[in-house]
Amino acid sequence: MQLNRRDFLKASAGVGGLVLLQPAVLAATNEFPNTSAPQSDIAMLVDASKCIGCWWCYAACKNYNKLPETIKPDPEQAPELSPDVWTTLHTTKRDGEWIFRKQACNHCTDAACVEVCPTGALSRNKLGFIQYDKDKCSGCGYCAEFCPFGVPQLDSNKLTGAAVMDKCTFCIERVTNDQQPACAEACPTGAIKFGRRSELLEEGKQRVAELNNISSKGYLYGENELGGLHVMYVLDDSPESYGLPAAPQVPPTSIVRNVFQWVGIGGLVAIVAGFGLNYIIAREAKITSELPGKEQMGRGKRNG
């Protein structure tokens, strides 16, 4: 089968497109900075000691993002994160009373989801949070597999098997227009605050000091975890008691996956180069065979 110029260009473009679908390793902004979050970043501070379990953050998130509505949840059966639930409450009973913690994407500085996303659907916004372009999602599930908090959720089509991920977007349209995220604006007790991360960090430390004067169990979660979270938590007990891992880590497999991505890119480039070489050879052979007198020359050699 001959490969003409048009076929070669189509094949090269297709393979080249696959190479371009590797921004998780090609884009400099997707490399782990290995430093704490910049001072200019925005963030949210969630004070679990002030949460009364009203579920307004849950309702506001659903309303703003046009997600299917439900009745006010029961703490006994708190809704888990899902493609239709981007913000919920983690509920635990302590000393006979319910305690609550807002649960959603923590927008890590060292975000495993960004590192392993092969299409660039997940990336770091210049303001610090993790932004998501749903149109680019391939439904591969790597983000769900590697997130240490189990946040990304896949919605799969039972007939086709195709999947797409959903999660908190940090209300990107709002925060980039000087508005609060919907959940923070709806909170009636001030348990969710939005602002500059550096300022919220200091406020969180002061609040922890106040709690430690009472029980000595105050804890600021997210200051340094995974390079610094952009949703930090003031806790009056251990992280585990609020359903948070004490020492979240980016699984080392994600680094290995990056190596394979690089190998994959090398292979794809080789394929493109191979297409180019084959096309050139085939083209030269065809031109040579069509030169005037070429057929007669061949006959002369055979006769001789």
C-alpha atoms as a PDB file:
ATOM      1  CA  MET A   1       0.000   0.000   0.000  1.00  0.00           C
ATOM      2  CA  GLN A   2       1.423   3.350  -1.024  1.00  0.00           C
ATOM      3  CA  LEU A   3       1.322   6.331   1.319  1.00  0.00           C
ATOM      4  CA  ASN A   4       0.670   9.547  -0.566  1.00  0.00           C
ATOM      5  CA  ARG A   5       1.394  13.018   0.730  1.00  0.00           C
ATOM      6  CA  ARG A   6      -2.161  13.613   1.977  1.00  0.00           C
ATOM      7  CA  ASP A   7      -2.216  10.305   3.883  1.00  0.00           C
ATOM      8  CA  PHE A   8       1.138  11.094   5.456  1.00  0.00           C
ATOM      9  CA  LEU A   9       0.022  14.494   6.643  1.00  0.00           C
ATOM     10  CA  LYS A  10      -3.152  13.014   8.143  1.00  0.00           C
ATOM     11  CA  ALA A  11      -1.211  10.325   9.954  1.00  0.00           C
ATOM     12  CA  SER A  12       1.383  12.792  11.221  1.00  0.00           C
ATOM     13  CA  ALA A  13      -1.305  15.144  12.458  1.00  0.00           C
ATOM     14  CA  GLY A  14      -3.070  12.319  14.282  1.00  0.00           C
ATOM     15  CA  VAL A  15       0.031  11.076  16.025  1.00  0.00           C
ATOM     16  CA  GLY A  16       1.146  14.618  16.701  1.00  0.00           C
ATOM     17  CA  GLY A  17      -2.205  15.229  18.351  1.00  0.00           C
ATOM     18  CA  LEU A  18      -1.561  12.333  20.707  1.00  0.00           C
ATOM     19  CA  VAL A  19       1.737  13.918  21.667  1.00  0.00           C
ATOM     20  CA  LEU A  20       0.008  17.194  22.381  1.00  0.00           C
ATOM     21  CA  LEU A  21      -2.405  15.392  24.706  1.00  0.00           C
ATOM     22  CA  GLN A  22       0.363  15.027  27.291  1.00  0.00           C
ATOM     23  CA  PRO A  23       0.356  18.447  29.030  1.00  0.00           C
ATOM     24  CA  ALA A  24       0.692  16.781  32.413  1.00  0.00           C
ATOM     25  CA  VAL A  25       4.356  16.257  31.615  1.00  0.00           C
ATOM     26  CA  LEU A  26       4.975  18.896  28.976  1.00  0.00           C
ATOM     27  CA  ALA A  27       3.492  21.970  30.637  1.00  0.00           C
ATOM     28  CA  ALA A  28       5.858  23.636  33.071  1.00  0.00           C
ATOM     29  CA  THR A  29       2.933  24.794  35.185  1.00  0.00           C
ATOM     30  CA  ASN A  30       2.055  21.178  35.878  1.00  0.00           C
ATOM     31  CA  GLU A  31       5.361  20.296  37.474  1.00  0.00           C
ATOM     32  CA  PHE A  32       5.332  20.045  41.247  1.00  0.00           C
ATOM     33  CA  PRO A  33       6.826  23.294  42.570  1.00  0.00           C
ATOM     34  CA  ASN A  34       8.089  21.572  45.740  1.00  0.00           C
ATOM     35  CA  THR A  35       7.514  24.785  47.649  1.00  0.00           C
ATOM     36  CA  SER A  36       4.680  26.074  49.768  1.00  0.00           C
ATOM     37  CA  ALA A  37       1.828  27.938  48.116  1.00  0.00           C
ATOM     38  CA  PRO A  38       2.675  31.522  47.037  1.00  0.00           C
ATOM     39  CA  GLN A  39       1.559  34.412  49.222  1.00  0.00           C
ATOM     40  CA  SER A  40      -0.741  35.771  46.512  1.00  0.00           C
ATOM     41  CA  ASP A  41      -2.821  32.589  46.258  1.00  0.00           C
ATOM     42  CA  ILE A  42      -6.488  32.593  47.230  1.00  0.00           C
ATOM     43  CA  ALA A  43      -7.954  29.930  49.484  1.00  0.00           C
ATOM     44  CA  MET A  44     -10.719  28.963  51.870  1.00  0.00           C
ATOM     45  CA  LEU A  45     -10.453  28.356  55.600  1.00  0.00           C
ATOM     46  CA  VAL A  46     -12.974  25.881  57.019  1.00  0.00           C
ATOM     47  CA  ASP A  47     -13.398  26.051  60.804  1.00  0.00           C
ATOM     48  CA  ALA A  48     -14.969  22.703  61.700  1.00  0.00           C
ATOM     49  CA  SER A  49     -15.534  23.881  65.275  1.00  0.00           C
ATOM     50  CA  LYS A  50     -18.006  26.473  63.935  1.00  0.00           C
ATOM     51  CA  CYS A  51     -19.893  24.153  61.568  1.00  0.00           C
ATOM     52  CA  ILE A  52     -23.464  23.479  62.753  1.00  0.00           C
ATOM     53  CA  GLY A  53     -24.418  21.026  60.017  1.00  0.00           C
ATOM     54  CA  CYS A  54     -26.953  23.292  58.321  1.00  0.00           C
ATOM     55  CA  TRP A  55     -25.984  21.964  54.839  1.00  0.00           C
ATOM     56  CA  TRP A  56     -26.244  25.420  53.291  1.00  0.00           C
ATOM     57  CA  CYS A  57     -22.835  24.991  51.627  1.00  0.00           C
ATOM     58  CA  TYR A  58     -24.095  21.754  50.090  1.00  0.00           C
ATOM     59  CA  ALA A  59     -27.277  23.428  48.825  1.00  0.00           C
ATOM     60  CA  ALA A  60     -25.466  26.537  47.548  1.00  0.00           C
ATOM     61  CA  CYS A  61     -23.018  24.420  45.567  1.00  0.00           C
ATOM     62  CA  LYS A  62     -25.839  22.469  43.960  1.00  0.00           C
ATOM     63  CA  ASN A  63     -27.808  25.603  43.189  1.00  0.00           C
ATOM     64  CA  TYR A  64     -24.910  27.558  41.670  1.00  0.00           C
ATOM     65  CA  ASN A  65     -23.600  24.638  39.601  1.00  0.00           C
ATOM     66  CA  LYS A  66     -27.101  23.533  38.517  1.00  0.00           C
ATOM     67  CA  LEU A  67     -26.690  20.078  40.014  1.00  0.00           C
ATOM     68  CA  PRO A  68     -29.737  17.903  40.744  1.00  0.00           C
ATOM     69  CA  GLU A  69     -31.342  19.064  43.977  1.00  0.00           C
ATOM     70  CA  THR A  70     -32.111  16.858  46.943  1.00  0.00           C
ATOM     71  CA  ILE A  71     -33.768  17.338  50.309  1.00  0.00           C
ATOM     72  CA  LYS A  72     -31.688  18.348  53.313  1.00  0.00           C
ATOM     73  CA  PRO A  73     -29.452  15.347  54.027  1.00  0.00           C
ATOM     74  CA  ASP A  74     -29.553  13.280  57.183  1.00  0.00           C
ATOM     75  CA  PRO A  75     -26.252  13.122  59.124  1.00  0.00           C
ATOM     76  CA  GLU A  76     -26.869   9.397  59.523  1.00  0.00           C
ATOM     77  CA  GLN A  77     -26.707   9.030  55.733  1.00  0.00           C
ATOM     78  CA  ALA A  78     -24.613  11.955  54.571  1.00  0.00           C
ATOM     79  CA  PRO A  79     -24.311  12.040  50.764  1.00  0.00           C
ATOM     80  CA  GLU A  80     -20.895  11.059  49.480  1.00  0.00           C
ATOM     81  CA  LEU A  81     -19.043  13.003  46.814  1.00  0.00           C
ATOM     82  CA  SER A  82     -20.323  12.057  43.372  1.00  0.00           C
ATOM     83  CA  PRO A  83     -20.715  13.547  39.882  1.00  0.00           C
ATOM     84  CA  ASP A  84     -23.824  15.291  41.259  1.00  0.00           C
ATOM     85  CA  VAL A  85     -22.379  16.175  44.687  1.00  0.00           C
ATOM     86  CA  TRP A  86     -19.292  18.399  44.617  1.00  0.00           C
ATOM     87  CA  THR A  87     -19.601  19.650  48.189  1.00  0.00           C
ATOM     88  CA  THR A  88     -20.929  17.727  51.162  1.00  0.00           C
ATOM     89  CA  LEU A  89     -20.326  17.311  54.892  1.00  0.00           C
ATOM     90  CA  HIS A  90     -18.275  14.585  56.478  1.00  0.00           C
ATOM     91  CA  THR A  91     -20.237  13.570  59.563  1.00  0.00           C
ATOM     92  CA  THR A  92     -18.984  11.828  62.714  1.00  0.00           C
ATOM     93  CA  LYS A  93     -20.584  11.226  66.078  1.00  0.00           C
ATOM     94  CA  ARG A  94     -18.502  12.249  69.086  1.00  0.00           C
ATOM     95  CA  ASP A  95     -19.684  11.974  72.663  1.00  0.00           C
ATOM     96  CA  GLY A  96     -23.226  11.449  71.389  1.00  0.00           C
ATOM     97  CA  GLU A  97     -23.210  14.567  69.192  1.00  0.00           C
ATOM     98  CA  TRP A  98     -22.645  15.027  65.491  1.00  0.00           C
ATOM     99  CA  ILE A  99     -19.552  16.886  64.327  1.00  0.00           C
ATOM    100  CA  PHE A 100     -19.227  18.120  60.768  1.00  0.00           C
ATOM    101  CA  ARG A 101     -16.536  19.052  58.270  1.00  0.00           C
ATOM    102  CA  LYS A 102     -17.086  20.499  54.818  1.00  0.00           C
ATOM    103  CA  GLN A 103     -15.836  18.019  52.248  1.00  0.00           C
ATOM    104  CA  ALA A 104     -14.850  18.901  48.682  1.00  0.00           C
ATOM    105  CA  CYS A 105     -11.723  19.286  46.576  1.00  0.00           C
ATOM    106  CA  ASN A 106      -8.832  20.600  48.690  1.00  0.00           C
ATOM    107  CA  HIS A 107      -7.042  22.210  45.725  1.00  0.00           C
ATOM    108  CA  CYS A 108      -3.578  20.950  46.656  1.00  0.00           C
ATOM    109  CA  THR A 109      -0.395  22.721  45.612  1.00  0.00           C
ATOM    110  CA  ASP A 110       1.200  19.334  44.898  1.00  0.00           C
ATOM    111  CA  ALA A 111      -1.880  17.950  43.177  1.00  0.00           C
ATOM    112  CA  ALA A 112      -1.660  14.331  42.079  1.00  0.00           C
ATOM    113  CA  CYS A 113      -4.686  14.793  39.816  1.00  0.00           C
ATOM    114  CA  VAL A 114      -2.889  17.450  37.784  1.00  0.00           C
ATOM    115  CA  GLU A 115       0.271  15.395  37.617  1.00  0.00           C
ATOM    116  CA  VAL A 116      -1.416  12.336  36.127  1.00  0.00           C
ATOM    117  CA  CYS A 117      -4.065  13.968  33.916  1.00  0.00           C
ATOM    118  CA  PRO A 118      -3.091  13.081  30.322  1.00  0.00           C
ATOM    119  CA  THR A 119      -5.292  15.646  28.555  1.00  0.00           C
ATOM    120  CA  GLY A 120      -4.793  18.872  30.513  1.00  0.00           C
ATOM    121  CA  ALA A 121      -8.356  18.841  31.797  1.00  0.00           C
ATOM    122  CA  LEU A 122      -6.930  19.556  35.257  1.00  0.00           C
ATOM    123  CA  SER A 123      -4.420  22.354  35.703  1.00  0.00           C
ATOM    124  CA  ARG A 124      -3.294  24.961  38.200  1.00  0.00           C
ATOM    125  CA  ASN A 125      -4.910  28.362  37.977  1.00  0.00           C
ATOM    126  CA  LYS A 126      -2.564  31.300  38.537  1.00  0.00           C
ATOM    127  CA  LEU A 127      -4.559  32.063  41.696  1.00  0.00           C
ATOM    128  CA  GLY A 128      -3.543  28.716  43.162  1.00  0.00           C
ATOM    129  CA  PHE A 129      -6.588  26.473  42.946  1.00  0.00           C
ATOM    130  CA  ILE A 130      -7.058  23.491  40.613  1.00  0.00           C
ATOM    131  CA  GLN A 131      -9.188  24.388  37.615  1.00  0.00           C
ATOM    132  CA  TYR A 132     -11.047  21.871  35.503  1.00  0.00           C
ATOM    133  CA  ASP A 133     -11.993  21.895  31.833  1.00  0.00           C
ATOM    134  CA  LYS A 134     -14.637  19.200  31.492  1.00  0.00           C
ATOM    135  CA  ASP A 135     -14.525  19.333  27.700  1.00  0.00           C
ATOM    136  CA  LYS A 136     -10.967  17.985  27.807  1.00  0.00           C
ATOM    137  CA  CYS A 137     -11.715  15.083  30.146  1.00  0.00           C
ATOM    138  CA  SER A 138     -11.102  11.672  28.558  1.00  0.00           C
ATOM    139  CA  GLY A 139     -12.600   9.749  31.479  1.00  0.00           C
ATOM    140  CA  CYS A 140      -9.361   7.823  32.043  1.00  0.00           C
ATOM    141  CA  GLY A 141      -9.889   7.862  35.834  1.00  0.00           C
ATOM    142  CA  TYR A 142      -6.263   8.547  36.771  1.00  0.00           C
ATOM    143  CA  CYS A 143      -7.281  11.569  38.881  1.00  0.00           C
ATOM    144  CA  ALA A 144      -9.736   9.464  40.876  1.00  0.00           C
ATOM    145  CA  GLU A 145      -7.147   6.725  41.281  1.00  0.00           C
ATOM    146  CA  PHE A 146      -4.363   8.913  42.632  1.00  0.00           C
ATOM    147  CA  CYS A 147      -6.121  11.633  44.668  1.00  0.00           C
ATOM    148  CA  PRO A 148      -5.217  10.969  48.344  1.00  0.00           C
ATOM    149  CA  PHE A 149      -8.563  12.469  49.402  1.00  0.00           C
ATOM    150  CA  GLY A 150     -10.749  10.472  47.000  1.00  0.00           C
ATOM    151  CA  VAL A 151     -12.328  13.620  45.558  1.00  0.00           C
ATOM    152  CA  PRO A 152     -12.675  13.213  41.753  1.00  0.00           C
ATOM    153  CA  GLN A 153     -15.741  11.201  40.803  1.00  0.00           C
ATOM    154  CA  LEU A 154     -16.406   9.532  37.446  1.00  0.00           C
ATOM    155  CA  ASP A 155     -19.810   9.446  35.779  1.00  0.00           C
ATOM    156  CA  SER A 156     -19.905   6.463  33.390  1.00  0.00           C
ATOM    157  CA  ASN A 157     -22.416   5.784  30.636  1.00  0.00           C
ATOM    158  CA  LYS A 158     -23.719   2.249  31.196  1.00  0.00           C
ATOM    159  CA  LEU A 159     -24.358   1.715  27.504  1.00  0.00           C
ATOM    160  CA  THR A 160     -21.183   3.108  25.942  1.00  0.00           C
ATOM    161  CA  GLY A 161     -18.793   2.838  28.883  1.00  0.00           C
ATOM    162  CA  ALA A 162     -17.668   6.408  28.259  1.00  0.00           C
ATOM    163  CA  ALA A 163     -16.888   8.351  31.418  1.00  0.00           C
ATOM    164  CA  VAL A 164     -16.303  11.930  32.503  1.00  0.00           C
ATOM    165  CA  MET A 165     -15.122  13.328  35.809  1.00  0.00           C
ATOM    166  CA  ASP A 166     -16.710  15.986  38.008  1.00  0.00           C
ATOM    167  CA  LYS A 167     -15.551  17.833  41.100  1.00  0.00           C
ATOM    168  CA  CYS A 168     -15.492  21.242  42.802  1.00  0.00           C
ATOM    169  CA  THR A 169     -14.266  23.978  40.460  1.00  0.00           C
ATOM    170  CA  PHE A 170     -13.611  26.550  43.229  1.00  0.00           C
ATOM    171  CA  CYS A 171     -16.375  28.571  41.550  1.00  0.00           C
ATOM    172  CA  ILE A 172     -13.836  29.853  39.037  1.00  0.00           C
ATOM    173  CA  GLU A 173     -16.284  32.261  37.371  1.00  0.00           C
ATOM    174  CA  ARG A 174     -17.064  33.845  40.722  1.00  0.00           C
ATOM    175  CA  VAL A 175     -13.590  34.090  42.264  1.00  0.00           C
ATOM    176  CA  THR A 176     -12.072  35.519  39.091  1.00  0.00           C
ATOM    177  CA  ASN A 177     -14.707  38.262  39.266  1.00  0.00           C
ATOM    178  CA  ASP A 178     -14.066  39.284  42.879  1.00  0.00           C
ATOM    179  CA  GLN A 179     -16.843  37.123  44.339  1.00  0.00           C
ATOM    180  CA  GLN A 180     -16.743  34.447  47.001  1.00  0.00           C
ATOM    181  CA  PRO A 181     -17.264  30.771  46.202  1.00  0.00           C
ATOM    182  CA  ALA A 182     -20.945  29.917  46.571  1.00  0.00           C
ATOM    183  CA  CYS A 183     -20.360  27.711  49.639  1.00  0.00           C
ATOM    184  CA  ALA A 184     -18.457  30.439  51.507  1.00  0.00           C
ATOM    185  CA  GLU A 185     -21.080  33.071  50.737  1.00  0.00           C
ATOM    186  CA  ALA A 186     -23.874  30.803  51.979  1.00  0.00           C
ATOM    187  CA  CYS A 187     -22.279  29.795  55.288  1.00  0.00           C
ATOM    188  CA  PRO A 188     -24.285  31.452  58.123  1.00  0.00           C
ATOM    189  CA  THR A 189     -21.751  30.925  60.927  1.00  0.00           C
ATOM    190  CA  GLY A 190     -18.488  32.024  59.335  1.00  0.00           C
ATOM    191  CA  ALA A 191     -17.228  28.455  59.340  1.00  0.00           C
ATOM    192  CA  ILE A 192     -16.120  28.950  55.718  1.00  0.00           C
ATOM    193  CA  LYS A 193     -13.985  31.976  54.942  1.00  0.00           C
ATOM    194  CA  PHE A 194     -12.525  33.008  51.611  1.00  0.00           C
ATOM    195  CA  GLY A 195      -9.553  35.278  50.947  1.00  0.00           C
ATOM    196  CA  ARG A 196      -5.803  35.433  50.508  1.00  0.00           C
ATOM    197  CA  ARG A 197      -4.198  32.225  51.656  1.00  0.00           C
ATOM    198  CA  SER A 198      -1.474  34.002  53.603  1.00  0.00           C
ATOM    199  CA  GLU A 199      -4.051  35.964  55.601  1.00  0.00           C
ATOM    200  CA  LEU A 200      -6.269  32.942  56.209  1.00  0.00           C
ATOM    201  CA  LEU A 201      -3.225  31.015  57.356  1.00  0.00           C
ATOM    202  CA  GLU A 202      -2.565  33.531  60.109  1.00  0.00           C
ATOM    203  CA  GLU A 203      -6.224  33.579  61.080  1.00  0.00           C
ATOM    204  CA  GLY A 204      -6.230  29.807  61.223  1.00  0.00           C
ATOM    205  CA  LYS A 205      -3.210  29.763  63.525  1.00  0.00           C
ATOM    206  CA  GLN A 206      -4.855  32.255  65.867  1.00  0.00           C
ATOM    207  CA  ARG A 207      -8.028  30.186  65.958  1.00  0.00           C
ATOM    208  CA  VAL A 208      -6.046  27.024  66.739  1.00  0.00           C
ATOM    209  CA  ALA A 209      -4.316  28.829  69.598  1.00  0.00           C
ATOM    210  CA  GLU A 210      -7.737  29.723  71.005  1.00  0.00           C
ATOM    211  CA  LEU A 211      -8.882  26.112  70.771  1.00  0.00           C
ATOM    212  CA  ASN A 212      -5.703  24.894  72.428  1.00  0.00           C
ATOM    213  CA  ASN A 213      -6.478  27.048  75.441  1.00  0.00           C
ATOM    214  CA  ILE A 214      -9.567  24.865  75.897  1.00  0.00           C
ATOM    215  CA  SER A 215      -8.641  21.322  74.882  1.00  0.00           C
ATOM    216  CA  SER A 216      -5.075  21.352  73.498  1.00  0.00           C
ATOM    217  CA  LYS A 217      -6.346  19.435  70.461  1.00  0.00           C
ATOM    218  CA  GLY A 218      -6.519  22.337  68.043  1.00  0.00           C
ATOM    219  CA  TYR A 219      -4.962  21.592  64.675  1.00  0.00           C
ATOM    220  CA  LEU A 220      -4.500  23.563  61.456  1.00  0.00           C
ATOM    221  CA  TYR A 221      -4.714  21.128  58.564  1.00  0.00           C
ATOM    222  CA  GLY A 222      -3.443  22.166  55.146  1.00  0.00           C
ATOM    223  CA  GLU A 223      -0.662  24.592  55.987  1.00  0.00           C
ATOM    224  CA  ASN A 224       2.030  22.273  54.666  1.00  0.00           C
ATOM    225  CA  GLU A 225       0.231  19.121  53.556  1.00  0.00           C
ATOM    226  CA  LEU A 226       0.927  18.416  49.862  1.00  0.00           C
ATOM    227  CA  GLY A 227       2.788  21.686  49.467  1.00  0.00           C
ATOM    228  CA  GLY A 228      -0.111  23.564  51.080  1.00  0.00           C
ATOM    229  CA  LEU A 229      -3.823  23.098  50.533  1.00  0.00           C
ATOM    230  CA  HIS A 230      -6.037  25.875  49.221  1.00  0.00           C
ATOM    231  CA  VAL A 231      -8.845  24.621  51.437  1.00  0.00           C
ATOM    232  CA  MET A 232      -7.434  24.580  54.964  1.00  0.00           C
ATOM    233  CA  TYR A 233      -9.166  23.297  58.083  1.00  0.00           C
ATOM    234  CA  VAL A 234      -9.270  24.418  61.696  1.00  0.00           C
ATOM    235  CA  LEU A 235      -9.918  21.253  63.706  1.00  0.00           C
ATOM    236  CA  ASP A 236     -10.589  20.747  67.402  1.00  0.00           C
ATOM    237  CA  ASP A 237      -9.441  17.146  67.239  1.00  0.00           C
ATOM    238  CA  SER A 238      -7.141  14.939  65.167  1.00  0.00           C
ATOM    239  CA  PRO A 239      -7.441  14.950  61.360  1.00  0.00           C
ATOM    240  CA  GLU A 240      -8.461  11.287  61.427  1.00  0.00           C
ATOM    241  CA  SER A 241     -11.469  12.074  63.605  1.00  0.00           C
ATOM    242  CA  TYR A 242     -12.682  14.369  60.812  1.00  0.00           C
ATOM    243  CA  GLY A 243     -12.007  11.874  58.035  1.00  0.00           C
ATOM    244  CA  LEU A 244      -8.763  13.443  56.854  1.00  0.00           C
ATOM    245  CA  PRO A 245      -5.526  11.484  56.319  1.00  0.00           C
ATOM    246  CA  ALA A 246      -2.890  12.513  58.854  1.00  0.00           C
ATOM    247  CA  ALA A 247      -0.102  12.563  56.292  1.00  0.00           C
ATOM    248  CA  PRO A 248      -1.525  12.669  52.743  1.00  0.00           C
ATOM    249  CA  GLN A 249       0.991  11.825  50.059  1.00  0.00           C
ATOM    250  CA  VAL A 250       1.115  11.797  46.308  1.00  0.00           C
ATOM    251  CA  PRO A 251       1.414   8.084  45.447  1.00  0.00           C
ATOM    252  CA  PRO A 252       4.874   7.401  43.991  1.00  0.00           C
ATOM    253  CA  THR A 253       3.184   5.497  41.159  1.00  0.00           C
ATOM    254  CA  SER A 254       2.226   8.862  39.683  1.00  0.00           C
ATOM    255  CA  ILE A 255       5.898   9.696  39.258  1.00  0.00           C
ATOM    256  CA  VAL A 256       6.446   6.330  37.570  1.00  0.00           C
ATOM    257  CA  ARG A 257       3.497   7.088  35.301  1.00  0.00           C
ATOM    258  CA  ASN A 258       5.257  10.291  34.247  1.00  0.00           C
ATOM    259  CA  VAL A 259       8.258   8.248  33.161  1.00  0.00           C
ATOM    260  CA  PHE A 260       6.009   6.039  31.051  1.00  0.00           C
ATOM    261  CA  GLN A 261       4.395   9.155  29.604  1.00  0.00           C
ATOM    262  CA  TRP A 262       7.814  10.371  28.530  1.00  0.00           C
ATOM    263  CA  VAL A 263       8.594   6.968  27.027  1.00  0.00           C
ATOM    264  CA  GLY A 264       5.237   7.100  25.287  1.00  0.00           C
ATOM    265  CA  ILE A 265       6.012  10.509  23.856  1.00  0.00           C
ATOM    266  CA  GLY A 266       9.363   9.230  22.602  1.00  0.00           C
ATOM    267  CA  GLY A 267       7.608   6.347  20.902  1.00  0.00           C
ATOM    268  CA  LEU A 268       5.062   8.614  19.273  1.00  0.00           C
ATOM    269  CA  VAL A 269       7.777  10.933  18.005  1.00  0.00           C
ATOM    270  CA  ALA A 270       9.573   7.900  16.580  1.00  0.00           C
ATOM    271  CA  ILE A 271       6.376   6.869  14.813  1.00  0.00           C
ATOM    272  CA  VAL A 272       6.042  10.313  13.253  1.00  0.00           C
ATOM    273  CA  ALA A 273       9.702  10.191  12.190  1.00  0.00           C
ATOM    274  CA  GLY A 274       9.143   6.729  10.745  1.00  0.00           C
ATOM    275  CA  PHE A 275       6.182   7.934   8.745  1.00  0.00           C
ATOM    276  CA  GLY A 276       8.310  10.761   7.400  1.00  0.00           C
ATOM    277  CA  LEU A 277      11.209   8.500   6.436  1.00  0.00           C
ATOM    278  CA  ASN A 278       8.958   5.946   4.751  1.00  0.00           C
ATOM    279  CA  TYR A 279       7.191   8.688   2.826  1.00  0.00           C
ATOM    280  CA  ILE A 280      10.481  10.172   1.583  1.00  0.00           C
ATOM    281  CA  ILE A 281      11.832   6.774   0.503  1.00  0.00           C
ATOM    282  CA  ALA A 282       8.592   5.849  -1.244  1.00  0.00           C
ATOM    283  CA  ARG A 283       8.427   9.227  -2.941  1.00  0.00           C
ATOM    284  CA  GLU A 284      12.020   9.030  -4.203  1.00  0.00           C
ATOM    285  CA  ALA A 285      11.470   5.508  -5.497  1.00  0.00           C
ATOM    286  CA  LYS A 286       8.367   6.609  -7.363  1.00  0.00           C
ATOM    287  CA  ILE A 287      10.124   9.636  -8.895  1.00  0.00           C
ATOM    288  CA  THR A 288      13.071   7.503  -9.958  1.00  0.00           C
ATOM    289  CA  SER A 289      10.826   4.898 -11.565  1.00  0.00           C
ATOM    290  CA  GLU A 290       9.091   7.584 -13.580  1.00  0.00           C
ATOM    291  CA  LEU A 291      12.272   9.199 -14.982  1.00  0.00           C
ATOM    292  CA  PRO A 292      12.421   9.308 -18.833  1.00  0.00           C
ATOM    293  CA  GLY A 293      14.287   6.306 -20.237  1.00  0.00           C
ATOM    294  CA  LYS A 294      14.178   4.468 -16.917  1.00  0.00           C
ATOM    295  CA  GLU A 295      12.153   1.599 -18.376  1.00  0.00           C
ATOM    296  CA  GLN A 296      14.473   1.275 -21.398  1.00  0.00           C
ATOM    297  CA  MET A 297      17.508   1.324 -19.130  1.00  0.00           C
ATOM    298  CA  GLY A 298      16.064  -1.527 -17.154  1.00  0.00           C
ATOM    299  CA  ARG A 299      15.411  -3.531 -20.336  1.00  0.00           C
ATOM    300  CA  GLY A 300      18.924  -2.870 -21.587  1.00  0.00           C
ATOM    301  CA  LYS A 301      20.426  -4.275 -18.410  1.00  0.00           C
ATOM    302  CA  ARG A 302      18.255  -7.375 -18.631  1.00  0.00           C
ATOM    303  CA  ASN A 303      19.179  -7.917 -22.303  1.00  0.00           C
ATOM    304  CA  GLY A 304      22.824  -7.506 -21.583  1.00  0.00           C
END
